[in-house]
């Protein structure tokens, strides 16, 4: 059943109240599909799941259009107070890629998504799935403890070990999110 006009007005008022709250240095993000028609249904659902995980400070009901380009999102991010963009795309080879961009000046981190599970798959696998109404009211906590590779591990990995300056960059950028 469609929502009545009074419900829409209440929702719009609640959205305005949420936008008026002081930021206190909290990061805000937008999760976007680049090439929305070409990424496929699974990646589109992954984008929705990531939006819900980052829900209190992200645009959950963001409407993407085919005509929107990355430049459109970066230009509007300043006015909306958005500090991070998470961009999902699919390469020609079929690999899912994630770019984490700090707006407006960077840095931008590129990742290849090797494997992921969607929320609906986890719900189907669980016998008794429970979710509360207040689950997404608090921002997620990201713990970056012991993220840096130790010297012993670095020696063991040899050339495959990531450079120290890149580890620091990832740790610092992820801590902002």
Protein backbone atom coordinates (compact mmCIF):
# COMPACT_ATOMS: atom_id res chain seq x y z
CA UNK A 1 0.00 0.00 0.00
CA UNK A 2 1.32 3.45 -0.86
CA UNK A 3 2.33 5.84 1.84
CA UNK A 4 0.07 8.77 2.50
CA UNK A 5 1.15 12.36 2.06
CA UNK A 6 1.34 12.89 5.82
CA UNK A 7 3.82 10.01 6.13
CA UNK A 8 5.98 11.51 3.39
CA UNK A 9 5.95 14.87 5.15
CA UNK A 10 6.96 13.23 8.44
CA UNK A 11 9.78 11.36 6.70
CA UNK A 12 11.02 14.55 5.02
CA UNK A 13 10.96 16.37 8.37
CA UNK A 14 12.90 13.54 10.01
CA UNK A 15 15.49 13.64 7.20
CA UNK A 16 15.92 17.41 7.67
CA UNK A 17 16.39 16.96 11.43
CA UNK A 18 19.08 14.32 10.83
CA UNK A 19 20.85 16.65 8.41
CA UNK A 20 20.83 19.50 10.95
CA UNK A 21 22.66 17.53 13.66
CA UNK A 22 26.23 18.73 14.26
CA UNK A 23 28.90 16.59 12.65
CA UNK A 24 31.59 16.66 15.38
CA UNK A 25 34.17 15.56 12.79
CA UNK A 26 32.26 12.41 11.86
CA UNK A 27 32.96 11.16 8.35
CA UNK A 28 30.02 10.91 5.98
CA UNK A 29 30.09 8.65 2.96
CA UNK A 30 28.35 7.80 -0.28
CA UNK A 31 28.47 4.29 -1.75
CA UNK A 32 28.15 4.41 -5.52
CA UNK A 33 28.04 2.01 -8.44
CA UNK A 34 30.10 3.19 -11.40
CA UNK A 35 28.63 1.89 -14.63
CA UNK A 36 25.34 1.06 -12.95
CA UNK A 37 23.96 -0.96 -15.87
CA UNK A 38 27.11 -3.05 -16.40
CA UNK A 39 27.90 -4.15 -12.84
CA UNK A 40 25.08 -6.67 -12.51
CA UNK A 41 22.55 -7.53 -9.86
CA UNK A 42 24.94 -9.09 -7.33
CA UNK A 43 27.18 -6.02 -7.20
CA UNK A 44 24.12 -3.76 -6.94
CA UNK A 45 22.96 -5.79 -3.95
CA UNK A 46 26.49 -5.59 -2.48
CA UNK A 47 26.29 -1.79 -2.75
CA UNK A 48 22.97 -1.81 -0.88
CA UNK A 49 24.43 -4.05 1.83
CA UNK A 50 27.48 -1.78 2.29
CA UNK A 51 25.17 1.23 2.53
CA UNK A 52 23.22 -0.44 5.33
CA UNK A 53 26.40 -1.36 7.21
CA UNK A 54 27.55 2.27 7.10
CA UNK A 55 23.99 3.51 7.59
CA UNK A 56 23.88 6.30 10.15
CA UNK A 57 26.37 8.47 8.25
CA UNK A 58 25.83 7.38 4.66
CA UNK A 59 23.27 8.00 1.94
CA UNK A 60 21.17 4.82 2.07
CA UNK A 61 18.50 5.90 -0.40
CA UNK A 62 20.85 7.40 -2.97
CA UNK A 63 19.32 7.35 -6.45
CA UNK A 64 21.86 6.68 -9.17
CA UNK A 65 21.15 7.49 -12.77
CA UNK A 66 22.88 6.38 -15.92
CA UNK A 67 23.75 9.98 -16.79
CA UNK A 68 25.52 10.64 -13.46
CA UNK A 69 29.30 10.68 -13.66
CA UNK A 70 31.92 10.59 -10.94
CA UNK A 71 32.44 14.33 -11.35
CA UNK A 72 28.80 14.92 -10.38
CA UNK A 73 29.26 13.07 -7.10
CA UNK A 74 32.53 14.80 -6.22
CA UNK A 75 31.10 18.24 -6.95
CA UNK A 76 28.03 17.70 -4.77
CA UNK A 77 29.96 16.02 -1.93
CA UNK A 78 31.22 19.31 -0.49
CA UNK A 79 27.74 20.78 -0.17
CA UNK A 80 26.41 17.61 1.48
CA UNK A 81 29.35 17.27 3.88
CA UNK A 82 30.47 13.95 2.37
CA UNK A 83 34.06 13.07 3.25
CA UNK A 84 34.42 9.61 1.63
CA UNK A 85 33.24 7.97 -1.57
CA UNK A 86 33.14 4.18 -1.92
CA UNK A 87 32.96 3.33 -5.61
CA UNK A 88 32.10 -0.16 -6.81
CA UNK A 89 32.69 -1.13 -10.42
CA UNK A 90 33.24 -4.20 -12.57
CA UNK A 91 36.20 -4.46 -14.93
CA UNK A 92 36.03 -5.86 -18.44
CA UNK A 93 37.48 -9.11 -17.11
CA UNK A 94 34.56 -9.38 -14.66
CA UNK A 95 36.47 -8.50 -11.48
CA UNK A 96 34.67 -6.40 -8.88
CA UNK A 97 36.70 -3.39 -7.81
CA UNK A 98 36.35 -1.02 -4.87
CA UNK A 99 37.81 2.47 -4.77
CA UNK A 100 37.87 4.34 -1.48
CA UNK A 101 38.29 8.06 -2.13
CA UNK A 102 38.71 10.79 0.46
CA UNK A 103 37.00 13.88 -0.88
CA UNK A 104 38.06 16.47 -2.04
CA UNK A 105 41.82 15.90 -2.27
CA UNK A 106 42.43 12.21 -1.76
CA UNK A 107 44.09 9.81 -1.41
CA UNK A 108 42.22 7.19 -3.41
CA UNK A 109 42.77 3.53 -2.62
CA UNK A 110 42.04 0.80 -5.18
CA UNK A 111 41.08 -2.74 -4.16
CA UNK A 112 39.97 -5.85 -6.01
CA UNK A 113 37.10 -7.61 -4.25
CA UNK A 114 38.03 -11.28 -4.30
CA UNK A 115 34.99 -12.71 -2.51
CA UNK A 116 31.90 -11.40 -0.76
CA UNK A 117 28.67 -12.65 0.78
CA UNK A 118 25.40 -10.83 0.47
CA UNK A 119 23.07 -10.29 3.43
CA UNK A 120 20.32 -12.35 1.83
CA UNK A 121 22.70 -15.32 1.47
CA UNK A 122 23.67 -15.10 5.15
CA UNK A 123 20.01 -14.87 6.16
CA UNK A 124 19.20 -18.00 4.17
CA UNK A 125 22.12 -19.89 5.72
CA UNK A 126 21.12 -19.04 9.30
CA UNK A 127 18.46 -21.04 11.05
CA UNK A 128 17.15 -18.22 13.28
CA UNK A 129 18.00 -14.84 11.81
CA UNK A 130 17.28 -11.94 14.15
CA UNK A 131 17.60 -8.27 13.50
CA UNK A 132 16.66 -5.41 15.77
CA UNK A 133 15.22 -2.03 14.95
CA UNK A 134 18.21 -0.23 16.43
CA UNK A 135 20.95 -2.26 14.75
CA UNK A 136 21.93 0.43 12.28
CA UNK A 137 21.53 3.50 14.48
CA UNK A 138 25.16 3.43 15.66
CA UNK A 139 28.14 3.75 13.34
CA UNK A 140 30.28 0.61 12.85
CA UNK A 141 33.52 0.29 14.76
CA UNK A 142 36.64 -0.43 12.73
CA UNK A 143 39.58 -1.81 14.71
CA UNK A 144 42.93 -1.42 12.98
CA UNK A 145 44.98 -3.02 15.77
CA UNK A 146 48.08 -4.98 14.60
CA UNK A 147 47.35 -4.15 10.98
CA UNK A 148 51.00 -3.40 10.19
CA UNK A 149 53.13 -6.31 9.00
CA UNK A 150 55.90 -7.25 11.44
CA UNK A 151 59.55 -7.44 10.37
CA UNK A 152 59.59 -11.23 10.74
CA UNK A 153 56.49 -11.53 8.56
CA UNK A 154 58.01 -9.08 6.08
CA UNK A 155 61.13 -11.26 5.77
CA UNK A 156 59.00 -14.36 5.27
CA UNK A 157 56.90 -12.76 2.54
CA UNK A 158 59.85 -11.23 0.73
CA UNK A 159 58.74 -9.38 -2.42
CA UNK A 160 55.06 -10.05 -1.76
CA UNK A 161 55.05 -7.90 1.40
CA UNK A 162 53.33 -4.54 0.94
CA UNK A 163 55.54 -1.44 1.30
CA UNK A 164 55.45 0.19 4.74
CA UNK A 165 54.28 3.56 3.42
CA UNK A 166 51.26 1.92 1.75
CA UNK A 167 50.33 0.08 4.94
CA UNK A 168 50.39 3.37 6.82
CA UNK A 169 48.28 5.03 4.12
CA UNK A 170 45.63 2.28 4.27
CA UNK A 171 45.59 2.34 8.07
CA UNK A 172 45.21 6.13 8.21
CA UNK A 173 42.54 6.25 5.48
CA UNK A 174 40.53 3.41 7.00
CA UNK A 175 40.70 5.06 10.42
CA UNK A 176 39.02 8.14 8.95
CA UNK A 177 36.15 6.06 7.65
